[in-house]
Amino acid sequence: MEPFKFKNFIVRHERCAMKVGTDGVLLGAWAQLPETGRILDIGTGSGLIALMVAQRSKGCHVVGIDIDAGAVAQATENAASSPFAARISIQMQDVLEYSPDEPFECIVCNPPFFTESVLPPDASRALSRSAGLLPLDQLVGKVRSLLADEGVFSLIVPAVLMKDIVSMCLACGLRLSRRMYVRTVQGKNPKRVMLTFTPSAVGMVEEEEIVLTEKVTQCGRQERSKAYAELTADFYL
């Protein structure tokens, strides 16, 4: 499998269950980041998001954790070969058993158990199906314990699960502050939604929407929309 080449780094992903994909790129480009401090990438996989946030937030140290040995080895190699090697640490770690010495200013997560192949049509069945890998309520509760009081938590999930996740986060003391709906093409229902939560009080929720493609070429290929191209301009070649 060919590596995925970005402007400032290369991601090899042949040993990872979660390959480089649109979800990870979207979250890595959109997530709200601090200027300084520590960032945790839960389920780092190939290290894609860890690399993206390291590029965006030059004053932060990024920790990527995963339970898969192959992914940890590959993410470690990807980080080591990047310009941000000194600011990225990759660890083989179950997030539910993770106990760092200090909280994180930012946590990001592209949950690996959310794939179209296992998503039933309704949210309750989707939640129960995903629970065998990592129960959402446990993940959210753990995120709250790992997050600094003024920190932010961002993730990308199927739009069908948004209400459930917002409710779970609220129950754990995490309040929604930003939301971006992701449509593949104009006119279709959102396929994904990116959410940002914080333990601190928030005012109005910042609402956004992005359409990924806007026109079809003569060859039948859909081109990235202007908004998607702008969001990812620092990464895609």
C-alpha atoms as a PDB file:
ATOM      1  CA  MET A   1       0.000   0.000   0.000  1.00  0.00           C
ATOM      2  CA  GLU A   2       1.351   3.389  -1.001  1.00  0.00           C
ATOM      3  CA  PRO A   3       1.930   5.942   1.782  1.00  0.00           C
ATOM      4  CA  PHE A   4      -0.289   9.012   1.908  1.00  0.00           C
ATOM      5  CA  LYS A   5       1.739  12.131   1.179  1.00  0.00           C
ATOM      6  CA  PHE A   6       0.802  15.451   2.739  1.00  0.00           C
ATOM      7  CA  LYS A   7       2.591  18.776   2.296  1.00  0.00           C
ATOM      8  CA  ASN A   8       4.763  18.450   5.387  1.00  0.00           C
ATOM      9  CA  PHE A   9       4.726  14.765   6.310  1.00  0.00           C
ATOM     10  CA  ILE A  10       4.065  11.254   5.015  1.00  0.00           C
ATOM     11  CA  VAL A  11       1.689   8.754   6.605  1.00  0.00           C
ATOM     12  CA  ARG A  12       2.248   5.038   6.086  1.00  0.00           C
ATOM     13  CA  HIS A  13      -0.814   3.044   7.098  1.00  0.00           C
ATOM     14  CA  GLU A  14      -0.571  -0.507   5.736  1.00  0.00           C
ATOM     15  CA  ARG A  15      -0.307  -1.974   9.266  1.00  0.00           C
ATOM     16  CA  CYS A  16      -3.261  -0.017  10.625  1.00  0.00           C
ATOM     17  CA  ALA A  17      -6.893  -1.113  10.710  1.00  0.00           C
ATOM     18  CA  MET A  18      -7.930   2.529  10.343  1.00  0.00           C
ATOM     19  CA  LYS A  19      -6.479   3.834   7.086  1.00  0.00           C
ATOM     20  CA  VAL A  20      -5.988   7.499   6.231  1.00  0.00           C
ATOM     21  CA  GLY A  21      -9.448   8.814   5.423  1.00  0.00           C
ATOM     22  CA  THR A  22     -11.582  11.906   5.133  1.00  0.00           C
ATOM     23  CA  ASP A  23     -12.866  11.728   8.724  1.00  0.00           C
ATOM     24  CA  GLY A  24      -9.404  11.946  10.221  1.00  0.00           C
ATOM     25  CA  VAL A  25      -8.291  14.711   7.888  1.00  0.00           C
ATOM     26  CA  LEU A  26     -11.410  16.748   8.648  1.00  0.00           C
ATOM     27  CA  LEU A  27     -10.977  16.465  12.403  1.00  0.00           C
ATOM     28  CA  GLY A  28      -7.251  17.153  12.272  1.00  0.00           C
ATOM     29  CA  ALA A  29      -7.852  20.331  10.287  1.00  0.00           C
ATOM     30  CA  TRP A  30     -10.932  21.531  12.235  1.00  0.00           C
ATOM     31  CA  ALA A  31     -10.326  20.665  15.899  1.00  0.00           C
ATOM     32  CA  GLN A  32      -9.944  23.598  18.264  1.00  0.00           C
ATOM     33  CA  LEU A  33      -6.376  23.621  19.587  1.00  0.00           C
ATOM     34  CA  PRO A  34      -4.539  25.484  22.351  1.00  0.00           C
ATOM     35  CA  GLU A  35      -1.422  27.506  21.649  1.00  0.00           C
ATOM     36  CA  THR A  36       0.539  25.723  24.382  1.00  0.00           C
ATOM     37  CA  GLY A  37       0.130  22.663  26.568  1.00  0.00           C
ATOM     38  CA  ARG A  38      -0.572  19.016  25.836  1.00  0.00           C
ATOM     39  CA  ILE A  39      -2.863  17.372  23.293  1.00  0.00           C
ATOM     40  CA  LEU A  40      -4.104  13.772  23.513  1.00  0.00           C
ATOM     41  CA  ASP A  41      -5.125  11.814  20.395  1.00  0.00           C
ATOM     42  CA  ILE A  42      -7.239   8.825  21.472  1.00  0.00           C
ATOM     43  CA  GLY A  43      -7.060   5.898  19.055  1.00  0.00           C
ATOM     44  CA  THR A  44      -4.255   7.465  17.077  1.00  0.00           C
ATOM     45  CA  GLY A  45      -4.011   4.678  14.467  1.00  0.00           C
ATOM     46  CA  SER A  46      -1.415   5.720  11.895  1.00  0.00           C
ATOM     47  CA  GLY A  47      -0.793   8.950  13.799  1.00  0.00           C
ATOM     48  CA  LEU A  48      -2.517  11.070  11.155  1.00  0.00           C
ATOM     49  CA  ILE A  49      -4.411  13.372  13.517  1.00  0.00           C
ATOM     50  CA  ALA A  50      -1.479  13.584  15.918  1.00  0.00           C
ATOM     51  CA  LEU A  51       0.702  14.783  13.042  1.00  0.00           C
ATOM     52  CA  MET A  52      -1.891  17.283  11.843  1.00  0.00           C
ATOM     53  CA  VAL A  53      -2.431  18.880  15.241  1.00  0.00           C
ATOM     54  CA  ALA A  54       1.318  18.955  15.864  1.00  0.00           C
ATOM     55  CA  GLN A  55       1.712  20.906  12.635  1.00  0.00           C
ATOM     56  CA  ARG A  56      -1.081  23.320  13.553  1.00  0.00           C
ATOM     57  CA  SER A  57      -0.168  23.928  17.192  1.00  0.00           C
ATOM     58  CA  LYS A  58       3.563  24.469  17.322  1.00  0.00           C
ATOM     59  CA  GLY A  59       3.676  25.175  21.060  1.00  0.00           C
ATOM     60  CA  CYS A  60       2.073  21.889  22.097  1.00  0.00           C
ATOM     61  CA  HIS A  61       3.273  18.386  22.827  1.00  0.00           C
ATOM     62  CA  VAL A  62       1.057  15.677  21.331  1.00  0.00           C
ATOM     63  CA  VAL A  63       0.490  12.229  22.845  1.00  0.00           C
ATOM     64  CA  GLY A  64      -1.103   9.568  20.654  1.00  0.00           C
ATOM     65  CA  ILE A  65      -2.411   6.379  22.261  1.00  0.00           C
ATOM     66  CA  ASP A  66      -3.748   3.158  20.740  1.00  0.00           C
ATOM     67  CA  ILE A  67      -4.325  -0.436  21.828  1.00  0.00           C
ATOM     68  CA  ASP A  68      -3.160  -1.995  18.544  1.00  0.00           C
ATOM     69  CA  ALA A  69       0.527  -2.913  18.434  1.00  0.00           C
ATOM     70  CA  GLY A  70       0.797  -2.590  14.661  1.00  0.00           C
ATOM     71  CA  ALA A  71      -0.753   0.859  14.683  1.00  0.00           C
ATOM     72  CA  VAL A  72       1.480   2.007  17.543  1.00  0.00           C
ATOM     73  CA  ALA A  73       4.595   0.849  15.687  1.00  0.00           C
ATOM     74  CA  GLN A  74       3.524   2.546  12.477  1.00  0.00           C
ATOM     75  CA  ALA A  75       2.463   5.778  14.178  1.00  0.00           C
ATOM     76  CA  THR A  76       5.793   5.861  15.984  1.00  0.00           C
ATOM     77  CA  GLU A  77       7.616   5.560  12.665  1.00  0.00           C
ATOM     78  CA  ASN A  78       5.435   8.196  11.021  1.00  0.00           C
ATOM     79  CA  ALA A  79       6.006  10.623  13.880  1.00  0.00           C
ATOM     80  CA  ALA A  80       9.766   9.969  13.938  1.00  0.00           C
ATOM     81  CA  SER A  81      10.103  10.761  10.233  1.00  0.00           C
ATOM     82  CA  SER A  82       8.111  14.006  10.495  1.00  0.00           C
ATOM     83  CA  PRO A  83       9.347  17.535  11.229  1.00  0.00           C
ATOM     84  CA  PHE A  84       7.444  17.363  14.535  1.00  0.00           C
ATOM     85  CA  ALA A  85       9.168  14.274  15.968  1.00  0.00           C
ATOM     86  CA  ALA A  86      10.353  16.082  19.094  1.00  0.00           C
ATOM     87  CA  ARG A  87       6.790  17.065  20.006  1.00  0.00           C
ATOM     88  CA  ILE A  88       4.961  13.765  19.444  1.00  0.00           C
ATOM     89  CA  SER A  89       4.903  10.723  21.734  1.00  0.00           C
ATOM     90  CA  ILE A  90       3.129   7.499  20.741  1.00  0.00           C
ATOM     91  CA  GLN A  91       2.134   4.991  23.420  1.00  0.00           C
ATOM     92  CA  MET A  92       0.441   1.596  23.431  1.00  0.00           C
ATOM     93  CA  GLN A  93      -2.302   2.295  25.918  1.00  0.00           C
ATOM     94  CA  ASP A  94      -5.950   1.492  26.661  1.00  0.00           C
ATOM     95  CA  VAL A  95      -7.588   4.875  27.244  1.00  0.00           C
ATOM     96  CA  LEU A  96      -9.820   3.436  29.992  1.00  0.00           C
ATOM     97  CA  GLU A  97      -6.685   2.443  31.936  1.00  0.00           C
ATOM     98  CA  TYR A  98      -4.694   5.569  31.094  1.00  0.00           C
ATOM     99  CA  SER A  99      -3.505   7.559  34.106  1.00  0.00           C
ATOM    100  CA  PRO A 100      -1.170  10.419  33.103  1.00  0.00           C
ATOM    101  CA  ASP A 101       0.490  12.664  35.663  1.00  0.00           C
ATOM    102  CA  GLU A 102      -1.398  15.760  34.520  1.00  0.00           C
ATOM    103  CA  PRO A 103      -4.510  16.594  32.483  1.00  0.00           C
ATOM    104  CA  PHE A 104      -4.554  17.604  28.837  1.00  0.00           C
ATOM    105  CA  GLU A 105      -5.454  21.021  27.460  1.00  0.00           C
ATOM    106  CA  CYS A 106      -6.966  19.343  24.395  1.00  0.00           C
ATOM    107  CA  ILE A 107      -8.256  15.876  23.496  1.00  0.00           C
ATOM    108  CA  VAL A 108      -9.140  14.722  19.968  1.00  0.00           C
ATOM    109  CA  CYS A 109     -10.699  11.449  18.883  1.00  0.00           C
ATOM    110  CA  ASN A 110     -11.817   9.825  15.644  1.00  0.00           C
ATOM    111  CA  PRO A 111     -13.504   6.790  17.207  1.00  0.00           C
ATOM    112  CA  PRO A 112     -12.384   3.714  15.246  1.00  0.00           C
ATOM    113  CA  PHE A 113     -15.569   1.769  15.933  1.00  0.00           C
ATOM    114  CA  PHE A 114     -17.735   4.136  13.893  1.00  0.00           C
ATOM    115  CA  THR A 115     -17.728   2.712  10.372  1.00  0.00           C
ATOM    116  CA  GLU A 116     -20.552   2.658   7.850  1.00  0.00           C
ATOM    117  CA  SER A 117     -20.395  -1.141   7.620  1.00  0.00           C
ATOM    118  CA  VAL A 118     -21.517  -1.531  11.227  1.00  0.00           C
ATOM    119  CA  LEU A 119     -23.925   1.367  11.512  1.00  0.00           C
ATOM    120  CA  PRO A 120     -27.563   0.255  11.721  1.00  0.00           C
ATOM    121  CA  PRO A 121     -30.229   2.766  10.680  1.00  0.00           C
ATOM    122  CA  ASP A 122     -31.168   3.978  14.165  1.00  0.00           C
ATOM    123  CA  ALA A 123     -28.997   5.497  16.851  1.00  0.00           C
ATOM    124  CA  SER A 124     -29.881   3.097  19.666  1.00  0.00           C
ATOM    125  CA  ARG A 125     -28.837   0.030  17.656  1.00  0.00           C
ATOM    126  CA  ALA A 126     -25.692   1.834  16.526  1.00  0.00           C
ATOM    127  CA  LEU A 127     -24.777   2.598  20.107  1.00  0.00           C
ATOM    128  CA  SER A 128     -25.296  -0.990  21.229  1.00  0.00           C
ATOM    129  CA  ARG A 129     -23.303  -2.309  18.265  1.00  0.00           C
ATOM    130  CA  SER A 130     -20.346  -0.068  19.086  1.00  0.00           C
ATOM    131  CA  ALA A 131     -20.422  -0.876  22.789  1.00  0.00           C
ATOM    132  CA  GLY A 132     -18.552  -4.151  22.291  1.00  0.00           C
ATOM    133  CA  LEU A 133     -15.404  -2.253  21.329  1.00  0.00           C
ATOM    134  CA  LEU A 134     -15.463   0.847  23.492  1.00  0.00           C
ATOM    135  CA  PRO A 135     -18.639   1.942  25.282  1.00  0.00           C
ATOM    136  CA  LEU A 136     -19.321   5.582  24.500  1.00  0.00           C
ATOM    137  CA  ASP A 137     -20.354   6.495  28.012  1.00  0.00           C
ATOM    138  CA  GLN A 138     -17.083   5.093  29.370  1.00  0.00           C
ATOM    139  CA  LEU A 139     -15.064   6.929  26.729  1.00  0.00           C
ATOM    140  CA  VAL A 140     -16.770  10.244  27.494  1.00  0.00           C
ATOM    141  CA  GLY A 141     -16.401   9.766  31.232  1.00  0.00           C
ATOM    142  CA  LYS A 142     -12.708   9.013  30.840  1.00  0.00           C
ATOM    143  CA  VAL A 143     -12.220  12.030  28.577  1.00  0.00           C
ATOM    144  CA  ARG A 144     -13.638  14.272  31.291  1.00  0.00           C
ATOM    145  CA  SER A 145     -11.166  12.900  33.838  1.00  0.00           C
ATOM    146  CA  LEU A 146      -8.256  13.445  31.436  1.00  0.00           C
ATOM    147  CA  LEU A 147      -9.266  16.950  30.355  1.00  0.00           C
ATOM    148  CA  ALA A 148      -8.154  20.149  32.065  1.00  0.00           C
ATOM    149  CA  ASP A 149     -10.938  22.354  33.437  1.00  0.00           C
ATOM    150  CA  GLU A 150     -10.380  24.889  30.660  1.00  0.00           C
ATOM    151  CA  GLY A 151      -9.631  22.257  28.029  1.00  0.00           C
ATOM    152  CA  VAL A 152     -11.478  21.264  24.856  1.00  0.00           C
ATOM    153  CA  PHE A 153     -12.528  17.877  23.489  1.00  0.00           C
ATOM    154  CA  SER A 154     -13.228  17.419  19.765  1.00  0.00           C
ATOM    155  CA  LEU A 155     -14.400  14.343  17.868  1.00  0.00           C
ATOM    156  CA  ILE A 156     -16.056  13.306  14.613  1.00  0.00           C
ATOM    157  CA  VAL A 157     -18.970  10.841  14.553  1.00  0.00           C
ATOM    158  CA  PRO A 158     -21.832   9.786  12.302  1.00  0.00           C
ATOM    159  CA  ALA A 159     -24.542  12.441  12.415  1.00  0.00           C
ATOM    160  CA  VAL A 160     -27.099   9.835  13.541  1.00  0.00           C
ATOM    161  CA  LEU A 161     -25.321   9.555  16.901  1.00  0.00           C
ATOM    162  CA  MET A 162     -24.966  13.263  17.634  1.00  0.00           C
ATOM    163  CA  LYS A 163     -27.845  13.662  20.105  1.00  0.00           C
ATOM    164  CA  ASP A 164     -26.761  10.642  22.125  1.00  0.00           C
ATOM    165  CA  ILE A 165     -23.189  11.857  22.381  1.00  0.00           C
ATOM    166  CA  VAL A 166     -24.218  15.393  23.331  1.00  0.00           C
ATOM    167  CA  SER A 167     -26.402  13.936  26.105  1.00  0.00           C
ATOM    168  CA  MET A 168     -23.603  11.684  27.362  1.00  0.00           C
ATOM    169  CA  CYS A 169     -21.129  14.545  27.421  1.00  0.00           C
ATOM    170  CA  LEU A 170     -23.551  16.816  29.260  1.00  0.00           C
ATOM    171  CA  ALA A 171     -24.089  14.117  31.890  1.00  0.00           C
ATOM    172  CA  CYS A 172     -20.302  14.057  32.417  1.00  0.00           C
ATOM    173  CA  GLY A 173     -20.032  17.832  32.690  1.00  0.00           C
ATOM    174  CA  LEU A 174     -18.933  18.522  29.110  1.00  0.00           C
ATOM    175  CA  ARG A 175     -20.835  21.238  27.270  1.00  0.00           C
ATOM    176  CA  LEU A 176     -21.141  21.576  23.512  1.00  0.00           C
ATOM    177  CA  SER A 177     -19.394  24.697  22.172  1.00  0.00           C
ATOM    178  CA  ARG A 178     -18.880  24.026  18.437  1.00  0.00           C
ATOM    179  CA  ARG A 179     -20.583  21.870  15.841  1.00  0.00           C
ATOM    180  CA  MET A 180     -19.889  21.348  12.149  1.00  0.00           C
ATOM    181  CA  TYR A 181     -22.180  19.250   9.977  1.00  0.00           C
ATOM    182  CA  VAL A 182     -20.444  17.417   7.130  1.00  0.00           C
ATOM    183  CA  ARG A 183     -22.334  16.786   3.883  1.00  0.00           C
ATOM    184  CA  THR A 184     -20.738  14.812   1.069  1.00  0.00           C
ATOM    185  CA  VAL A 185     -22.738  16.769  -1.540  1.00  0.00           C
ATOM    186  CA  GLN A 186     -25.185  19.657  -1.384  1.00  0.00           C
ATOM    187  CA  GLY A 187     -28.760  18.574  -0.723  1.00  0.00           C
ATOM    188  CA  LYS A 188     -27.963  15.337   1.089  1.00  0.00           C
ATOM    189  CA  ASN A 189     -28.368  14.848   4.827  1.00  0.00           C
ATOM    190  CA  PRO A 190     -25.183  15.324   6.871  1.00  0.00           C
ATOM    191  CA  LYS A 191     -23.130  12.131   6.974  1.00  0.00           C
ATOM    192  CA  ARG A 192     -20.833  13.180   9.790  1.00  0.00           C
ATOM    193  CA  VAL A 193     -20.731  15.837  12.472  1.00  0.00           C
ATOM    194  CA  MET A 194     -17.711  17.292  14.263  1.00  0.00           C
ATOM    195  CA  LEU A 195     -18.277  18.376  17.851  1.00  0.00           C
ATOM    196  CA  THR A 196     -16.273  20.333  20.410  1.00  0.00           C
ATOM    197  CA  PHE A 197     -17.002  20.165  24.138  1.00  0.00           C
ATOM    198  CA  THR A 198     -15.582  21.974  27.148  1.00  0.00           C
ATOM    199  CA  PRO A 199     -16.084  21.655  30.918  1.00  0.00           C
ATOM    200  CA  SER A 200     -16.337  25.431  31.237  1.00  0.00           C
ATOM    201  CA  ALA A 201     -19.472  27.470  30.681  1.00  0.00           C
ATOM    202  CA  VAL A 202     -20.304  28.371  27.081  1.00  0.00           C
ATOM    203  CA  GLY A 203     -22.634  30.850  25.432  1.00  0.00           C
ATOM    204  CA  MET A 204     -24.071  30.258  22.006  1.00  0.00           C
ATOM    205  CA  VAL A 205     -22.944  27.095  20.248  1.00  0.00           C
ATOM    206  CA  GLU A 206     -20.889  27.911  17.157  1.00  0.00           C
ATOM    207  CA  GLU A 207     -22.721  26.276  14.236  1.00  0.00           C
ATOM    208  CA  GLU A 208     -20.978  25.438  10.942  1.00  0.00           C
ATOM    209  CA  GLU A 209     -21.537  23.278   7.893  1.00  0.00           C
ATOM    210  CA  ILE A 210     -19.265  22.019   5.157  1.00  0.00           C
ATOM    211  CA  VAL A 211     -20.022  20.339   1.831  1.00  0.00           C
ATOM    212  CA  LEU A 212     -17.109  18.210   0.668  1.00  0.00           C
ATOM    213  CA  THR A 213     -17.713  18.183  -3.105  1.00  0.00           C
ATOM    214  CA  GLU A 214     -19.375  20.723  -5.329  1.00  0.00           C
ATOM    215  CA  LYS A 215     -18.980  19.717  -8.971  1.00  0.00           C
ATOM    216  CA  VAL A 216     -18.228  16.752 -11.191  1.00  0.00           C
ATOM    217  CA  THR A 217     -15.472  16.850 -13.801  1.00  0.00           C
ATOM    218  CA  GLN A 218     -15.815  15.517 -17.346  1.00  0.00           C
ATOM    219  CA  CYS A 219     -14.142  12.325 -16.154  1.00  0.00           C
ATOM    220  CA  GLY A 220     -16.891  11.816 -13.581  1.00  0.00           C
ATOM    221  CA  ARG A 221     -14.728  12.733 -10.581  1.00  0.00           C
ATOM    222  CA  GLN A 222     -16.101  14.952  -7.853  1.00  0.00           C
ATOM    223  CA  GLU A 223     -13.813  17.843  -6.948  1.00  0.00           C
ATOM    224  CA  ARG A 224     -13.273  19.168  -3.447  1.00  0.00           C
ATOM    225  CA  SER A 225     -15.466  22.121  -2.630  1.00  0.00           C
ATOM    226  CA  LYS A 226     -13.885  25.512  -2.023  1.00  0.00           C
ATOM    227  CA  ALA A 227     -14.662  25.253   1.705  1.00  0.00           C
ATOM    228  CA  TYR A 228     -13.093  21.788   1.997  1.00  0.00           C
ATOM    229  CA  ALA A 229     -10.044  22.890   0.016  1.00  0.00           C
ATOM    230  CA  GLU A 230      -9.603  25.924   2.277  1.00  0.00           C
ATOM    231  CA  LEU A 231      -9.992  23.901   5.460  1.00  0.00           C
ATOM    232  CA  THR A 232      -7.329  21.411   4.377  1.00  0.00           C
ATOM    233  CA  ALA A 233      -5.092  23.799   2.421  1.00  0.00           C
ATOM    234  CA  ASP A 234      -2.132  23.343   4.782  1.00  0.00           C
ATOM    235  CA  PHE A 235      -2.183  19.566   4.382  1.00  0.00           C
ATOM    236  CA  TYR A 236      -3.347  18.203   1.027  1.00  0.00           C
ATOM    237  CA  LEU A 237      -0.897  18.442  -1.861  1.00  0.00           C
END
